[in-house]
Amino acid sequence: MRNLLFLHCLIATLLIGCVGNGELEAQLSGQVVGDDDRPLGPGLVMVERGKVHAGAYEGGALIANTGKFEVPLPGGGTWGVHLFNDNYSYLPVEVTIDPHQQVALTNMMVNWGVWMDLTGQPRWPDQPDDARLVRLPVDDNKADNPVIQNIQMKYLPGGLFQITADVSDPTHDLSRMILAFDEATGGGYAMNPPGPPNASGYYPEGSYSLKVFTSAKHVPGKSMWHLVVSDAMCNNTPIQHLPMPPK
């Protein structure tokens, strides 16, 4: 149902401009707003290579207080884009760009009636008349949101850094989106699940983990990690902002 939902519900409109010197990498930018069309920030954007929910996360960026964001991409192709803000349901988008192009993500033409029929969720608001803005849908029911807690961070031998967290969901429909963004390096990751998805494609509740190598860009006690969890129905946790612990 998830694939059907995105097929019917999400159509992205793009403004694409070539980078003149051909030397810059691809870049995605945009501005998100709330239901009153005022800038919505801070927040988080995560990107994955390929189709939406393929799970191959490669990067991300913070959404500023102005609602604006810029995400450098390592190249062209198809990218899944996920926009998050506390108190709002996240918005997934799929875009395809050429190498060395800058893409401004404009508002989504979403068939909210189809969404409501498929999920039983309240109808979400229409997108702004100003196509340069992307409106995130208000989360009207936080009781069905997933929960992330007991987040632990520690340094391991060999230059490794580990994050673990307990994840649960009252509706038991977790997706692959237990996500971590490394602000120091720009890296984005899907944390490793405690087991495989079930026959319905939902991921298990329990302890999720991630191991990455530290680099010179990481400053113990200062470099920030940002974690968020979303389920298959676009319900998400508040974004967790955590500094790397001192060594």
C-alpha atoms as a PDB file:
ATOM      1  CA  MET A   1       0.000   0.000   0.000  1.00  0.00           C
ATOM      2  CA  ARG A   2       2.920   2.271   0.681  1.00  0.00           C
ATOM      3  CA  ASN A   3       4.077   2.175  -2.941  1.00  0.00           C
ATOM      4  CA  LEU A   4       0.538   2.776  -4.174  1.00  0.00           C
ATOM      5  CA  LEU A   5       0.252   5.702  -1.811  1.00  0.00           C
ATOM      6  CA  PHE A   6       3.344   7.429  -3.126  1.00  0.00           C
ATOM      7  CA  LEU A   7       2.389   6.664  -6.726  1.00  0.00           C
ATOM      8  CA  HIS A   8      -0.951   8.409  -6.351  1.00  0.00           C
ATOM      9  CA  CYS A   9      -0.194  11.023  -3.736  1.00  0.00           C
ATOM     10  CA  LEU A  10       3.139  12.601  -4.521  1.00  0.00           C
ATOM     11  CA  ILE A  11       3.890  14.517  -7.707  1.00  0.00           C
ATOM     12  CA  ALA A  12       6.851  16.876  -7.524  1.00  0.00           C
ATOM     13  CA  THR A  13       7.194  20.022  -9.590  1.00  0.00           C
ATOM     14  CA  LEU A  14      10.784  21.092 -10.232  1.00  0.00           C
ATOM     15  CA  LEU A  15      12.603  24.198 -11.375  1.00  0.00           C
ATOM     16  CA  ILE A  16      15.946  23.074 -12.779  1.00  0.00           C
ATOM     17  CA  GLY A  17      18.910  25.312 -13.702  1.00  0.00           C
ATOM     18  CA  CYS A  18      22.252  24.137 -15.024  1.00  0.00           C
ATOM     19  CA  VAL A  19      25.379  25.180 -13.183  1.00  0.00           C
ATOM     20  CA  GLY A  20      27.330  27.257 -15.646  1.00  0.00           C
ATOM     21  CA  ASN A  21      30.886  26.043 -15.103  1.00  0.00           C
ATOM     22  CA  GLY A  22      29.935  22.378 -14.778  1.00  0.00           C
ATOM     23  CA  GLU A  23      32.214  21.983 -11.753  1.00  0.00           C
ATOM     24  CA  LEU A  24      29.715  22.100  -8.904  1.00  0.00           C
ATOM     25  CA  GLU A  25      28.017  18.969  -7.676  1.00  0.00           C
ATOM     26  CA  ALA A  26      24.250  18.613  -7.900  1.00  0.00           C
ATOM     27  CA  GLN A  27      22.283  20.475  -5.265  1.00  0.00           C
ATOM     28  CA  LEU A  28      18.723  20.412  -3.964  1.00  0.00           C
ATOM     29  CA  SER A  29      17.202  23.428  -2.216  1.00  0.00           C
ATOM     30  CA  GLY A  30      13.790  24.651  -1.107  1.00  0.00           C
ATOM     31  CA  GLN A  31      11.666  26.290   1.565  1.00  0.00           C
ATOM     32  CA  VAL A  32       9.054  24.649   3.783  1.00  0.00           C
ATOM     33  CA  VAL A  33       6.133  26.363   5.499  1.00  0.00           C
ATOM     34  CA  GLY A  34       3.387  25.475   7.963  1.00  0.00           C
ATOM     35  CA  ASP A  35      -0.372  25.623   7.581  1.00  0.00           C
ATOM     36  CA  ASP A  36      -0.289  29.443   7.848  1.00  0.00           C
ATOM     37  CA  ASP A  37       2.351  29.671   5.076  1.00  0.00           C
ATOM     38  CA  ARG A  38       4.894  31.043   7.523  1.00  0.00           C
ATOM     39  CA  PRO A  39       8.448  29.628   7.342  1.00  0.00           C
ATOM     40  CA  LEU A  40       8.710  26.346   9.198  1.00  0.00           C
ATOM     41  CA  GLY A  41      11.991  25.668  10.938  1.00  0.00           C
ATOM     42  CA  PRO A  42      14.199  24.378  12.265  1.00  0.00           C
ATOM     43  CA  GLY A  43      13.863  20.935  10.758  1.00  0.00           C
ATOM     44  CA  LEU A  44      15.669  18.168   8.938  1.00  0.00           C
ATOM     45  CA  VAL A  45      15.875  16.940   5.357  1.00  0.00           C
ATOM     46  CA  MET A  46      17.243  13.483   4.547  1.00  0.00           C
ATOM     47  CA  VAL A  47      18.067  12.153   1.072  1.00  0.00           C
ATOM     48  CA  GLU A  48      18.447   8.630  -0.272  1.00  0.00           C
ATOM     49  CA  ARG A  49      19.799   7.507  -3.614  1.00  0.00           C
ATOM     50  CA  GLY A  50      17.169   5.984  -5.886  1.00  0.00           C
ATOM     51  CA  LYS A  51      13.470   5.470  -5.334  1.00  0.00           C
ATOM     52  CA  VAL A  52      11.672   6.732  -2.242  1.00  0.00           C
ATOM     53  CA  HIS A  53      12.054   4.215   0.591  1.00  0.00           C
ATOM     54  CA  ALA A  54      14.810   2.274  -1.142  1.00  0.00           C
ATOM     55  CA  GLY A  55      16.770   2.839   2.077  1.00  0.00           C
ATOM     56  CA  ALA A  56      20.110   3.883   0.553  1.00  0.00           C
ATOM     57  CA  TYR A  57      20.533   7.075   2.581  1.00  0.00           C
ATOM     58  CA  GLU A  58      23.559   9.182   1.718  1.00  0.00           C
ATOM     59  CA  GLY A  59      23.102  12.628   3.187  1.00  0.00           C
ATOM     60  CA  GLY A  60      20.970  15.338   4.648  1.00  0.00           C
ATOM     61  CA  ALA A  61      20.879  18.902   5.896  1.00  0.00           C
ATOM     62  CA  LEU A  62      19.265  21.041   8.536  1.00  0.00           C
ATOM     63  CA  ILE A  63      16.257  23.200   7.690  1.00  0.00           C
ATOM     64  CA  ALA A  64      16.905  26.724   8.979  1.00  0.00           C
ATOM     65  CA  ASN A  65      14.501  28.856  11.018  1.00  0.00           C
ATOM     66  CA  THR A  66      13.573  30.502   7.712  1.00  0.00           C
ATOM     67  CA  GLY A  67      12.339  27.136   6.408  1.00  0.00           C
ATOM     68  CA  LYS A  68      15.079  27.125   3.778  1.00  0.00           C
ATOM     69  CA  PHE A  69      17.465  24.254   3.130  1.00  0.00           C
ATOM     70  CA  GLU A  70      20.255  23.297   0.737  1.00  0.00           C
ATOM     71  CA  VAL A  71      21.457  19.727   0.288  1.00  0.00           C
ATOM     72  CA  PRO A  72      24.589  19.005  -1.765  1.00  0.00           C
ATOM     73  CA  LEU A  73      24.259  15.749  -3.705  1.00  0.00           C
ATOM     74  CA  PRO A  74      27.194  13.592  -4.835  1.00  0.00           C
ATOM     75  CA  GLY A  75      25.753  13.354  -8.342  1.00  0.00           C
ATOM     76  CA  GLY A  76      22.711  13.283 -10.549  1.00  0.00           C
ATOM     77  CA  GLY A  77      20.048  10.606 -10.806  1.00  0.00           C
ATOM     78  CA  THR A  78      16.919   9.793  -8.831  1.00  0.00           C
ATOM     79  CA  TRP A  79      16.774  10.823  -5.176  1.00  0.00           C
ATOM     80  CA  GLY A  80      14.244  10.242  -2.423  1.00  0.00           C
ATOM     81  CA  VAL A  81      13.801  13.374  -0.305  1.00  0.00           C
ATOM     82  CA  HIS A  82      12.248  13.411   3.188  1.00  0.00           C
ATOM     83  CA  LEU A  83      11.289  16.647   4.970  1.00  0.00           C
ATOM     84  CA  PHE A  84      10.797  16.647   8.762  1.00  0.00           C
ATOM     85  CA  ASN A  85       9.666  19.158  11.364  1.00  0.00           C
ATOM     86  CA  ASP A  86       8.397  18.684  14.920  1.00  0.00           C
ATOM     87  CA  ASN A  87       4.575  18.665  15.192  1.00  0.00           C
ATOM     88  CA  TYR A  88       4.174  17.985  11.467  1.00  0.00           C
ATOM     89  CA  SER A  89       3.873  14.764   9.471  1.00  0.00           C
ATOM     90  CA  TYR A  90       6.882  14.358   7.251  1.00  0.00           C
ATOM     91  CA  LEU A  91       6.636  14.772   3.488  1.00  0.00           C
ATOM     92  CA  PRO A  92       8.409  12.344   1.112  1.00  0.00           C
ATOM     93  CA  VAL A  93       9.251  13.393  -2.440  1.00  0.00           C
ATOM     94  CA  GLU A  94      11.058  11.729  -5.341  1.00  0.00           C
ATOM     95  CA  VAL A  95      13.113  13.830  -7.758  1.00  0.00           C
ATOM     96  CA  THR A  96      15.355  13.086 -10.744  1.00  0.00           C
ATOM     97  CA  ILE A  97      18.106  15.482 -11.767  1.00  0.00           C
ATOM     98  CA  ASP A  98      21.091  15.533 -14.103  1.00  0.00           C
ATOM     99  CA  PRO A  99      24.697  15.801 -12.886  1.00  0.00           C
ATOM    100  CA  HIS A 100      25.900  19.316 -12.048  1.00  0.00           C
ATOM    101  CA  GLN A 101      22.388  20.719 -11.798  1.00  0.00           C
ATOM    102  CA  GLN A 102      20.827  22.789  -9.067  1.00  0.00           C
ATOM    103  CA  VAL A 103      17.228  21.906  -8.275  1.00  0.00           C
ATOM    104  CA  ALA A 104      14.721  24.069  -6.433  1.00  0.00           C
ATOM    105  CA  LEU A 105      12.022  21.856  -4.964  1.00  0.00           C
ATOM    106  CA  THR A 106       8.637  23.515  -5.414  1.00  0.00           C
ATOM    107  CA  ASN A 107       5.316  22.635  -3.866  1.00  0.00           C
ATOM    108  CA  MET A 108       3.660  19.268  -4.036  1.00  0.00           C
ATOM    109  CA  MET A 109       0.419  18.695  -5.924  1.00  0.00           C
ATOM    110  CA  VAL A 110      -0.960  16.068  -3.556  1.00  0.00           C
ATOM    111  CA  ASN A 111      -4.231  14.199  -3.973  1.00  0.00           C
ATOM    112  CA  TRP A 112      -5.301  14.489  -0.352  1.00  0.00           C
ATOM    113  CA  GLY A 113      -8.555  12.624  -1.040  1.00  0.00           C
ATOM    114  CA  VAL A 114      -6.635   9.548  -2.180  1.00  0.00           C
ATOM    115  CA  TRP A 115      -4.454   9.790   0.932  1.00  0.00           C
ATOM    116  CA  MET A 116      -7.510   9.910   3.178  1.00  0.00           C
ATOM    117  CA  ASP A 117      -9.188   6.996   1.409  1.00  0.00           C
ATOM    118  CA  LEU A 118      -6.094   4.807   1.692  1.00  0.00           C
ATOM    119  CA  THR A 119      -5.092   5.634   5.258  1.00  0.00           C
ATOM    120  CA  GLY A 120      -8.149   7.023   7.043  1.00  0.00           C
ATOM    121  CA  GLN A 121      -6.027  10.012   8.064  1.00  0.00           C
ATOM    122  CA  PRO A 122      -7.613  13.491   8.252  1.00  0.00           C
ATOM    123  CA  ARG A 123      -7.424  15.450   5.034  1.00  0.00           C
ATOM    124  CA  TRP A 124      -4.205  17.430   4.785  1.00  0.00           C
ATOM    125  CA  PRO A 125      -4.177  21.071   3.611  1.00  0.00           C
ATOM    126  CA  ASP A 126      -3.691  22.072   0.013  1.00  0.00           C
ATOM    127  CA  GLN A 127      -0.330  23.435  -1.056  1.00  0.00           C
ATOM    128  CA  PRO A 128       0.304  27.215  -1.146  1.00  0.00           C
ATOM    129  CA  ASP A 129      -0.516  29.283  -4.204  1.00  0.00           C
ATOM    130  CA  ASP A 130       3.134  30.326  -4.168  1.00  0.00           C
ATOM    131  CA  ALA A 131       4.769  27.337  -5.881  1.00  0.00           C
ATOM    132  CA  ARG A 132       8.151  28.220  -4.359  1.00  0.00           C
ATOM    133  CA  LEU A 133       6.913  26.996  -0.965  1.00  0.00           C
ATOM    134  CA  VAL A 134       6.305  23.439   0.235  1.00  0.00           C
ATOM    135  CA  ARG A 135       3.713  23.066   2.997  1.00  0.00           C
ATOM    136  CA  LEU A 136       4.147  20.273   5.508  1.00  0.00           C
ATOM    137  CA  PRO A 137       0.963  18.665   6.870  1.00  0.00           C
ATOM    138  CA  VAL A 138       0.033  19.239  10.521  1.00  0.00           C
ATOM    139  CA  ASP A 139       0.178  16.149  12.732  1.00  0.00           C
ATOM    140  CA  ASP A 140      -3.346  16.069  14.168  1.00  0.00           C
ATOM    141  CA  ASN A 141      -2.866  12.856  16.141  1.00  0.00           C
ATOM    142  CA  LYS A 142       0.358  12.342  18.072  1.00  0.00           C
ATOM    143  CA  ALA A 143      -0.972   9.211  19.813  1.00  0.00           C
ATOM    144  CA  ASP A 144       0.002   7.065  16.814  1.00  0.00           C
ATOM    145  CA  ASN A 145       3.532   8.483  16.505  1.00  0.00           C
ATOM    146  CA  PRO A 146       6.565   6.221  16.945  1.00  0.00           C
ATOM    147  CA  VAL A 147       8.859   6.691  19.946  1.00  0.00           C
ATOM    148  CA  ILE A 148      12.658   6.842  20.124  1.00  0.00           C
ATOM    149  CA  GLN A 149      14.310   6.676  23.529  1.00  0.00           C
ATOM    150  CA  ASN A 150      17.359   5.472  25.454  1.00  0.00           C
ATOM    151  CA  ILE A 151      19.743   6.915  22.869  1.00  0.00           C
ATOM    152  CA  GLN A 152      23.314   5.919  23.684  1.00  0.00           C
ATOM    153  CA  MET A 153      26.533   7.102  22.042  1.00  0.00           C
ATOM    154  CA  LYS A 154      30.020   5.754  22.616  1.00  0.00           C
ATOM    155  CA  TYR A 155      33.447   5.470  21.040  1.00  0.00           C
ATOM    156  CA  LEU A 156      34.692   2.031  20.041  1.00  0.00           C
ATOM    157  CA  PRO A 157      38.195   0.727  19.263  1.00  0.00           C
ATOM    158  CA  GLY A 158      39.518   1.298  15.768  1.00  0.00           C
ATOM    159  CA  GLY A 159      38.125   4.797  15.369  1.00  0.00           C
ATOM    160  CA  LEU A 160      34.496   3.689  15.365  1.00  0.00           C
ATOM    161  CA  PHE A 161      31.575   5.598  16.862  1.00  0.00           C
ATOM    162  CA  GLN A 162      28.331   3.817  17.805  1.00  0.00           C
ATOM    163  CA  ILE A 163      24.773   5.054  18.307  1.00  0.00           C
ATOM    164  CA  THR A 164      22.019   2.830  19.693  1.00  0.00           C
ATOM    165  CA  ALA A 165      18.384   3.668  20.384  1.00  0.00           C
ATOM    166  CA  ASP A 166      15.198   1.871  21.413  1.00  0.00           C
ATOM    167  CA  VAL A 167      12.392   2.367  18.892  1.00  0.00           C
ATOM    168  CA  SER A 168       8.719   1.464  19.304  1.00  0.00           C
ATOM    169  CA  ASP A 169       5.488   2.293  17.526  1.00  0.00           C
ATOM    170  CA  PRO A 170       1.910   2.063  18.880  1.00  0.00           C
ATOM    171  CA  THR A 171       0.561   1.053  15.471  1.00  0.00           C
ATOM    172  CA  HIS A 172       3.400  -1.425  14.777  1.00  0.00           C
ATOM    173  CA  ASP A 173       4.059  -0.159  11.248  1.00  0.00           C
ATOM    174  CA  LEU A 174       7.648   1.045  11.398  1.00  0.00           C
ATOM    175  CA  SER A 175       9.301   1.703   8.056  1.00  0.00           C
ATOM    176  CA  ARG A 176      13.020   1.655   7.243  1.00  0.00           C
ATOM    177  CA  MET A 177      13.148   5.258   8.424  1.00  0.00           C
ATOM    178  CA  ILE A 178      15.065   5.147  11.680  1.00  0.00           C
ATOM    179  CA  LEU A 179      17.388   7.887  10.525  1.00  0.00           C
ATOM    180  CA  ALA A 180      20.537   9.639  11.730  1.00  0.00           C
ATOM    181  CA  PHE A 181      22.181  12.743  10.251  1.00  0.00           C
ATOM    182  CA  ASP A 182      25.819  13.564  10.977  1.00  0.00           C
ATOM    183  CA  GLU A 183      26.025  17.364  10.807  1.00  0.00           C
ATOM    184  CA  ALA A 184      29.829  17.381  10.845  1.00  0.00           C
ATOM    185  CA  THR A 185      30.237  15.329   7.663  1.00  0.00           C
ATOM    186  CA  GLY A 186      26.823  15.729   6.024  1.00  0.00           C
ATOM    187  CA  GLY A 187      26.330  11.971   6.102  1.00  0.00           C
ATOM    188  CA  GLY A 188      22.843  10.469   6.381  1.00  0.00           C
ATOM    189  CA  TYR A 189      22.110   6.932   7.545  1.00  0.00           C
ATOM    190  CA  ALA A 190      19.313   4.454   8.145  1.00  0.00           C
ATOM    191  CA  MET A 191      20.101   2.767  11.455  1.00  0.00           C
ATOM    192  CA  ASN A 192      20.388  -1.014  11.469  1.00  0.00           C
ATOM    193  CA  PRO A 193      17.252  -2.873  12.651  1.00  0.00           C
ATOM    194  CA  PRO A 194      17.230  -5.684  15.232  1.00  0.00           C
ATOM    195  CA  GLY A 195      15.744  -8.023  12.630  1.00  0.00           C
ATOM    196  CA  PRO A 196      14.219  -8.230   9.140  1.00  0.00           C
ATOM    197  CA  PRO A 197      10.837  -6.729   8.175  1.00  0.00           C
ATOM    198  CA  ASN A 198       7.733  -8.883   8.507  1.00  0.00           C
ATOM    199  CA  ALA A 199       5.527 -10.153   5.679  1.00  0.00           C
ATOM    200  CA  SER A 200       3.795  -6.760   5.496  1.00  0.00           C
ATOM    201  CA  GLY A 201       7.116  -4.944   5.085  1.00  0.00           C
ATOM    202  CA  TYR A 202       7.064  -3.375   8.554  1.00  0.00           C
ATOM    203  CA  TYR A 203      10.269  -3.277  10.594  1.00  0.00           C
ATOM    204  CA  PRO A 204      10.560  -4.656  14.127  1.00  0.00           C
ATOM    205  CA  GLU A 205      10.509  -2.637  17.308  1.00  0.00           C
ATOM    206  CA  GLY A 206      13.568  -2.859  19.521  1.00  0.00           C
ATOM    207  CA  SER A 207      17.170  -1.656  19.608  1.00  0.00           C
ATOM    208  CA  TYR A 208      18.497   0.019  16.448  1.00  0.00           C
ATOM    209  CA  SER A 209      22.195   0.716  15.975  1.00  0.00           C
ATOM    210  CA  LEU A 210      24.674   2.526  13.771  1.00  0.00           C
ATOM    211  CA  LYS A 211      28.465   2.381  13.561  1.00  0.00           C
ATOM    212  CA  VAL A 212      30.529   4.939  11.638  1.00  0.00           C
ATOM    213  CA  PHE A 213      34.187   5.858  11.497  1.00  0.00           C
ATOM    214  CA  THR A 214      35.135   9.113  13.170  1.00  0.00           C
ATOM    215  CA  SER A 215      37.033  11.727  11.175  1.00  0.00           C
ATOM    216  CA  ALA A 216      38.924  14.957  11.710  1.00  0.00           C
ATOM    217  CA  LYS A 217      35.624  16.798  11.212  1.00  0.00           C
ATOM    218  CA  HIS A 218      34.196  15.292  14.397  1.00  0.00           C
ATOM    219  CA  VAL A 219      34.764  17.323  17.560  1.00  0.00           C
ATOM    220  CA  PRO A 220      33.944  15.372  20.746  1.00  0.00           C
ATOM    221  CA  GLY A 221      31.473  17.243  22.924  1.00  0.00           C
ATOM    222  CA  LYS A 222      30.431  19.548  20.073  1.00  0.00           C
ATOM    223  CA  SER A 223      29.679  17.814  16.761  1.00  0.00           C
ATOM    224  CA  MET A 224      25.937  17.255  16.475  1.00  0.00           C
ATOM    225  CA  TRP A 225      23.899  14.230  15.422  1.00  0.00           C
ATOM    226  CA  HIS A 226      20.195  14.510  14.590  1.00  0.00           C
ATOM    227  CA  LEU A 227      17.868  11.482  14.834  1.00  0.00           C
ATOM    228  CA  VAL A 228      14.276  11.021  13.702  1.00  0.00           C
ATOM    229  CA  VAL A 229      11.942   8.054  13.249  1.00  0.00           C
ATOM    230  CA  SER A 230       8.949   7.786  10.920  1.00  0.00           C
ATOM    231  CA  ASP A 231       6.466   4.981  10.343  1.00  0.00           C
ATOM    232  CA  ALA A 232       4.797   3.858   7.112  1.00  0.00           C
ATOM    233  CA  MET A 233       1.937   6.352   7.560  1.00  0.00           C
ATOM    234  CA  CYS A 234       4.232   9.423   7.740  1.00  0.00           C
ATOM    235  CA  ASN A 235       3.941   9.770  11.533  1.00  0.00           C
ATOM    236  CA  ASN A 236       7.255  10.769  13.054  1.00  0.00           C
ATOM    237  CA  THR A 237       8.998  11.479  16.325  1.00  0.00           C
ATOM    238  CA  PRO A 238      10.321  14.901  17.280  1.00  0.00           C
ATOM    239  CA  ILE A 239      13.833  15.386  15.913  1.00  0.00           C
ATOM    240  CA  GLN A 240      16.464  14.505  18.504  1.00  0.00           C
ATOM    241  CA  HIS A 241      19.548  16.790  18.574  1.00  0.00           C
ATOM    242  CA  LEU A 242      22.525  15.235  20.348  1.00  0.00           C
ATOM    243  CA  PRO A 243      26.192  16.228  20.589  1.00  0.00           C
ATOM    244  CA  MET A 244      28.885  13.584  20.364  1.00  0.00           C
ATOM    245  CA  PRO A 245      30.038  12.849  23.926  1.00  0.00           C
ATOM    246  CA  PRO A 246      33.473  13.861  25.148  1.00  0.00           C
ATOM    247  CA  LYS A 247      36.081  11.145  24.897  1.00  0.00           C
END
